[in-house]
PDB file of N, CA and C in Angstrom:
ATOM      1  N   UNK A   1     141.190 173.439 -93.518  1.00  0.00           N
ATOM      2  CA  UNK A   1     141.802 173.975 -94.724  1.00  0.00           C
ATOM      3  C   UNK A   1     141.082 173.487 -95.975  1.00  0.00           C
ATOM      4  N   UNK A   2     140.603 172.259 -95.905  1.00  0.00           N
ATOM      5  CA  UNK A   2     139.822 171.757 -97.042  1.00  0.00           C
ATOM      6  C   UNK A   2     138.511 172.527 -97.169  1.00  0.00           C
ATOM      7  N   UNK A   3     137.829 172.718 -96.040  1.00  0.00           N
ATOM      8  CA  UNK A   3     136.554 173.439 -96.076  1.00  0.00           C
ATOM      9  C   UNK A   3     136.727 174.865 -96.576  1.00  0.00           C
ATOM     10  N   UNK A   4     137.878 175.468 -96.303  1.00  0.00           N
ATOM     11  CA  UNK A   4     138.152 176.827 -96.747  1.00  0.00           C
ATOM     12  C   UNK A   4     138.589 176.913 -98.194  1.00  0.00           C
ATOM     13  N   UNK A   5     138.818 175.765 -98.822  1.00  0.00           N
ATOM     14  CA  UNK A   5     139.215 175.752-100.217  1.00  0.00           C
ATOM     15  C   UNK A   5     140.704 175.899-100.454  1.00  0.00           C
ATOM     16  N   UNK A   6     141.512 175.685 -99.405  1.00  0.00           N
ATOM     17  CA  UNK A   6     142.961 175.828 -99.536  1.00  0.00           C
ATOM     18  C   UNK A   6     143.648 174.514 -99.903  1.00  0.00           C
ATOM     19  N   UNK A   7     143.018 173.399 -99.537  1.00  0.00           N
ATOM     20  CA  UNK A   7     143.566 172.069 -99.810  1.00  0.00           C
ATOM     21  C   UNK A   7     142.484 171.161-100.372  1.00  0.00           C
ATOM     22  N   UNK A   8     142.933 170.165-101.116  1.00  0.00           N
ATOM     23  CA  UNK A   8     142.059 169.065-101.510  1.00  0.00           C
ATOM     24  C   UNK A   8     142.735 167.790-101.015  1.00  0.00           C
ATOM     25  N   UNK A   9     141.953 166.742-100.846  1.00  0.00           N
ATOM     26  CA  UNK A   9     142.544 165.489-100.389  1.00  0.00           C
ATOM     27  C   UNK A   9     142.020 164.343-101.234  1.00  0.00           C
ATOM     28  N   UNK A  10     142.815 163.296-101.230  1.00  0.00           N
ATOM     29  CA  UNK A  10     142.451 162.077-101.949  1.00  0.00           C
ATOM     30  C   UNK A  10     142.824 160.905-101.053  1.00  0.00           C
ATOM     31  N   UNK A  11     141.880 160.017-100.837  1.00  0.00           N
ATOM     32  CA  UNK A  11     142.138 158.834-100.028  1.00  0.00           C
ATOM     33  C   UNK A  11     142.491 157.667-100.925  1.00  0.00           C
ATOM     34  N   UNK A  12     143.530 156.948-100.539  1.00  0.00           N
ATOM     35  CA  UNK A  12     143.946 155.761-101.288  1.00  0.00           C
ATOM     36  C   UNK A  12     144.186 154.622-100.306  1.00  0.00           C
ATOM     37  N   UNK A  13     144.129 153.422-100.822  1.00  0.00           N
ATOM     38  CA  UNK A  13     144.462 152.237-100.026  1.00  0.00           C
ATOM     39  C   UNK A  13     145.915 151.889-100.312  1.00  0.00           C
ATOM     40  N   UNK A  14     146.656 151.667 -99.246  1.00  0.00           N
ATOM     41  CA  UNK A  14     148.063 151.315 -99.398  1.00  0.00           C
ATOM     42  C   UNK A  14     148.393 150.278 -98.333  1.00  0.00           C
ATOM     43  N   UNK A  15     148.750 149.091 -98.765  1.00  0.00           N
ATOM     44  CA  UNK A  15     149.051 147.987 -97.839  1.00  0.00           C
ATOM     45  C   UNK A  15     147.902 147.755 -96.861  1.00  0.00           C
ATOM     46  N   UNK A  16     146.675 147.854 -97.351  1.00  0.00           N
ATOM     47  CA  UNK A  16     145.507 147.614 -96.520  1.00  0.00           C
ATOM     48  C   UNK A  16     145.100 148.779 -95.631  1.00  0.00           C
ATOM     49  N   UNK A  17     145.831 149.878 -95.708  1.00  0.00           N
ATOM     50  CA  UNK A  17     145.510 151.053 -94.892  1.00  0.00           C
ATOM     51  C   UNK A  17     144.956 152.161 -95.775  1.00  0.00           C
ATOM     52  N   UNK A  18     144.162 153.013 -95.166  1.00  0.00           N
ATOM     53  CA  UNK A  18     143.713 154.210 -95.872  1.00  0.00           C
ATOM     54  C   UNK A  18     144.758 155.295 -95.663  1.00  0.00           C
ATOM     55  N   UNK A  19     145.201 155.889 -96.751  1.00  0.00           N
ATOM     56  CA  UNK A  19     146.183 156.961 -96.687  1.00  0.00           C
ATOM     57  C   UNK A  19     145.574 158.169 -97.370  1.00  0.00           C
ATOM     58  N   UNK A  20     145.692 159.320 -96.741  1.00  0.00           N
ATOM     59  CA  UNK A  20     145.114 160.539 -97.291  1.00  0.00           C
ATOM     60  C   UNK A  20     146.241 161.418 -97.828  1.00  0.00           C
ATOM     61  N   UNK A  21     146.130 161.824 -99.080  1.00  0.00           N
ATOM     62  CA  UNK A  21     147.108 162.691 -99.720  1.00  0.00           C
ATOM     63  C   UNK A  21     146.484 164.066 -99.907  1.00  0.00           C
ATOM     64  N   UNK A  22     147.231 165.090 -99.549  1.00  0.00           N
ATOM     65  CA  UNK A  22     146.734 166.459 -99.649  1.00  0.00           C
ATOM     66  C   UNK A  22     147.469 167.208-100.748  1.00  0.00           C
ATOM     67  N   UNK A  23     146.738 168.100-101.405  1.00  0.00           N
ATOM     68  CA  UNK A  23     147.313 168.980-102.426  1.00  0.00           C
ATOM     69  C   UNK A  23     146.774 170.381-102.201  1.00  0.00           C
ATOM     70  N   UNK A  24     147.582 171.367-102.518  1.00  0.00           N
ATOM     71  CA  UNK A  24     147.110 172.747-102.404  1.00  0.00           C
ATOM     72  C   UNK A  24     146.297 173.109-103.635  1.00  0.00           C
ATOM     73  N   UNK A  25     145.316 173.952-103.425  1.00  0.00           N
ATOM     74  CA  UNK A  25     144.515 174.476-104.526  1.00  0.00           C
ATOM     75  C   UNK A  25     145.149 175.785-104.984  1.00  0.00           C
ATOM     76  N   UNK A  26     144.642 176.343-106.057  1.00  0.00           N
ATOM     77  CA  UNK A  26     145.121 177.646-106.513  1.00  0.00           C
ATOM     78  C   UNK A  26     144.961 178.676-105.399  1.00  0.00           C
ATOM     79  N   UNK A  27     143.819 178.643-104.733  1.00  0.00           N
ATOM     80  CA  UNK A  27     143.571 179.570-103.627  1.00  0.00           C
ATOM     81  C   UNK A  27     144.603 179.368-102.514  1.00  0.00           C
ATOM     82  N   UNK A  28     144.917 178.134-102.207  1.00  0.00           N
ATOM     83  CA  UNK A  28     145.905 177.836-101.178  1.00  0.00           C
ATOM     84  C   UNK A  28     147.292 178.324-101.554  1.00  0.00           C
ATOM     85  N   UNK A  29     147.678 178.132-102.806  1.00  0.00           N
ATOM     86  CA  UNK A  29     148.997 178.588-103.259  1.00  0.00           C
ATOM     87  C   UNK A  29     149.097 180.104-103.223  1.00  0.00           C
ATOM     88  N   UNK A  30     148.040 180.788-103.653  1.00  0.00           N
ATOM     89  CA  UNK A  30     148.037 182.259-103.632  1.00  0.00           C
ATOM     90  C   UNK A  30     148.116 182.775-102.197  1.00  0.00           C
ATOM     91  N   UNK A  31     147.357 182.166-101.305  1.00  0.00           N
ATOM     92  CA  UNK A  31     147.367 182.588 -99.905  1.00  0.00           C
ATOM     93  C   UNK A  31     148.735 182.353 -99.284  1.00  0.00           C
ATOM     94  N   UNK A  32     149.343 181.228 -99.563  1.00  0.00           N
ATOM     95  CA  UNK A  32     150.673 180.926 -99.045  1.00  0.00           C
ATOM     96  C   UNK A  32     151.701 181.925 -99.566  1.00  0.00           C
ATOM     97  N   UNK A  33     151.609 182.272-100.835  1.00  0.00           N
ATOM     98  CA  UNK A  33     152.529 183.259-101.412  1.00  0.00           C
ATOM     99  C   UNK A  33     152.401 184.596-100.680  1.00  0.00           C
ATOM    100  N   UNK A  34     151.159 185.033-100.458  1.00  0.00           N
ATOM    101  CA  UNK A  34     150.937 186.310 -99.763  1.00  0.00           C
ATOM    102  C   UNK A  34     151.449 186.253 -98.324  1.00  0.00           C
ATOM    103  N   UNK A  35     151.215 185.138 -97.650  1.00  0.00           N
ATOM    104  CA  UNK A  35     151.697 185.003 -96.272  1.00  0.00           C
ATOM    105  C   UNK A  35     153.219 185.039 -96.202  1.00  0.00           C
ATOM    106  N   UNK A  36     153.864 184.374 -97.136  1.00  0.00           N
ATOM    107  CA  UNK A  36     155.334 184.388 -97.151  1.00  0.00           C
ATOM    108  C   UNK A  36     155.859 185.803 -97.314  1.00  0.00           C
ATOM    109  N   UNK A  37     155.257 186.570 -98.215  1.00  0.00           N
ATOM    110  CA  UNK A  37     155.680 187.952 -98.421  1.00  0.00           C
ATOM    111  C   UNK A  37     155.423 188.792 -97.174  1.00  0.00           C
ATOM    112  N   UNK A  38     154.312 188.523 -96.500  1.00  0.00           N
ATOM    113  CA  UNK A  38     153.947 189.296 -95.316  1.00  0.00           C
ATOM    114  C   UNK A  38     154.914 189.059 -94.161  1.00  0.00           C
ATOM    115  N   UNK A  39     155.350 187.814 -93.964  1.00  0.00           N
ATOM    116  CA  UNK A  39     156.203 187.522 -92.805  1.00  0.00           C
ATOM    117  C   UNK A  39     157.694 187.554 -93.124  1.00  0.00           C
ATOM    118  N   UNK A  40     158.055 187.640 -94.382  1.00  0.00           N
ATOM    119  CA  UNK A  40     159.467 187.558 -94.763  1.00  0.00           C
ATOM    120  C   UNK A  40     160.311 188.615 -94.054  1.00  0.00           C
ATOM    121  N   UNK A  41     159.949 189.885 -94.171  1.00  0.00           N
ATOM    122  CA  UNK A  41     160.748 190.958 -93.596  1.00  0.00           C
ATOM    123  C   UNK A  41     160.755 190.910 -92.072  1.00  0.00           C
ATOM    124  N   UNK A  42     159.596 190.824 -91.397  1.00  0.00           N
ATOM    125  CA  UNK A  42     159.642 190.755 -89.931  1.00  0.00           C
ATOM    126  C   UNK A  42     160.432 189.546 -89.419  1.00  0.00           C
ATOM    127  N   UNK A  43     160.345 188.427 -90.105  1.00  0.00           N
ATOM    128  CA  UNK A  43     161.076 187.239 -89.677  1.00  0.00           C
ATOM    129  C   UNK A  43     162.578 187.453 -89.828  1.00  0.00           C
ATOM    130  N   UNK A  44     163.002 188.025 -90.936  1.00  0.00           N
ATOM    131  CA  UNK A  44     164.429 188.305 -91.130  1.00  0.00           C
ATOM    132  C   UNK A  44     164.946 189.229 -90.039  1.00  0.00           C
ATOM    133  N   UNK A  45     164.166 190.273 -89.722  1.00  0.00           N
ATOM    134  CA  UNK A  45     164.582 191.214 -88.685  1.00  0.00           C
ATOM    135  C   UNK A  45     164.675 190.528 -87.326  1.00  0.00           C
ATOM    136  N   UNK A  46     163.719 189.687 -87.006  1.00  0.00           N
ATOM    137  CA  UNK A  46     163.734 188.982 -85.723  1.00  0.00           C
ATOM    138  C   UNK A  46     164.939 188.049 -85.634  1.00  0.00           C
ATOM    139  N   UNK A  47     165.251 187.351 -86.718  1.00  0.00           N
ATOM    140  CA  UNK A  47     166.407 186.453 -86.715  1.00  0.00           C
ATOM    141  C   UNK A  47     167.708 187.230 -86.572  1.00  0.00           C
ATOM    142  N   UNK A  48     167.807 188.375 -87.244  1.00  0.00           N
ATOM    143  CA  UNK A  48     169.017 189.207 -87.107  1.00  0.00           C
ATOM    144  C   UNK A  48     169.207 189.635 -85.658  1.00  0.00           C
ATOM    145  N   UNK A  49     168.128 190.093 -85.020  1.00  0.00           N
ATOM    146  CA  UNK A  49     168.219 190.518 -83.624  1.00  0.00           C
ATOM    147  C   UNK A  49     168.616 189.351 -82.729  1.00  0.00           C
ATOM    148  N   UNK A  50     168.044 188.199 -82.964  1.00  0.00           N
ATOM    149  CA  UNK A  50     168.371 187.016 -82.178  1.00  0.00           C
ATOM    150  C   UNK A  50     169.846 186.661 -82.337  1.00  0.00           C
ATOM    151  N   UNK A  51     170.337 186.670 -83.565  1.00  0.00           N
ATOM    152  CA  UNK A  51     171.740 186.332 -83.810  1.00  0.00           C
ATOM    153  C   UNK A  51     172.672 187.372 -83.208  1.00  0.00           C
ATOM    154  N   UNK A  52     172.292 188.638 -83.277  1.00  0.00           N
ATOM    155  CA  UNK A  52     173.113 189.679 -82.643  1.00  0.00           C
ATOM    156  C   UNK A  52     173.226 189.413 -81.148  1.00  0.00           C
ATOM    157  N   UNK A  53     172.118 189.042 -80.534  1.00  0.00           N
ATOM    158  CA  UNK A  53     172.117 188.750 -79.101  1.00  0.00           C
ATOM    159  C   UNK A  53     172.982 187.552 -78.766  1.00  0.00           C
ATOM    160  N   UNK A  54     172.951 186.523 -79.602  1.00  0.00           N
ATOM    161  CA  UNK A  54     173.779 185.334 -79.361  1.00  0.00           C
ATOM    162  C   UNK A  54     175.255 185.665 -79.506  1.00  0.00           C
ATOM    163  N   UNK A  55     175.596 186.494 -80.486  1.00  0.00           N
ATOM    164  CA  UNK A  55     177.004 186.878 -80.666  1.00  0.00           C
ATOM    165  C   UNK A  55     177.488 187.674 -79.463  1.00  0.00           C
ATOM    166  N   UNK A  56     176.645 188.568 -78.973  1.00  0.00           N
ATOM    167  CA  UNK A  56     177.018 189.365 -77.810  1.00  0.00           C
ATOM    168  C   UNK A  56     177.197 188.463 -76.595  1.00  0.00           C
ATOM    169  N   UNK A  57     176.311 187.492 -76.422  1.00  0.00           N
ATOM    170  CA  UNK A  57     176.414 186.563 -75.296  1.00  0.00           C
ATOM    171  C   UNK A  57     177.677 185.717 -75.385  1.00  0.00           C
ATOM    172  N   UNK A  58     178.017 185.244 -76.572  1.00  0.00           N
ATOM    173  CA  UNK A  58     179.181 184.369 -76.721  1.00  0.00           C
ATOM    174  C   UNK A  58     180.484 185.138 -76.566  1.00  0.00           C
ATOM    175  N   UNK A  59     180.490 186.431 -76.829  1.00  0.00           N
ATOM    176  CA  UNK A  59     181.722 187.207 -76.674  1.00  0.00           C
ATOM    177  C   UNK A  59     181.981 187.529 -75.206  1.00  0.00           C
ATOM    178  N   UNK A  60     180.974 187.363 -74.365  1.00  0.00           N
ATOM    179  CA  UNK A  60     181.135 187.620 -72.933  1.00  0.00           C
ATOM    180  C   UNK A  60     181.624 186.399 -72.171  1.00  0.00           C
ATOM    181  N   UNK A  61     181.764 185.271 -72.828  1.00  0.00           N
ATOM    182  CA  UNK A  61     182.184 184.057 -72.117  1.00  0.00           C
ATOM    183  C   UNK A  61     183.635 183.772 -72.343  1.00  0.00           C
TER     184      UNK A  61
END
């Protein structure tokens, strides 16, 4: 993700350990926004179908 320009990282020392902190770049934020929009509707539909199936199963018990 760093090589693709979606994230940047910064290494810091903390209690004698190296800790890497990641941040999204503008490109990463834009890509994430587009992905969320792309999967939002199909995911909602899949969850609705799953919940309908669970309700049907629970009414049979």
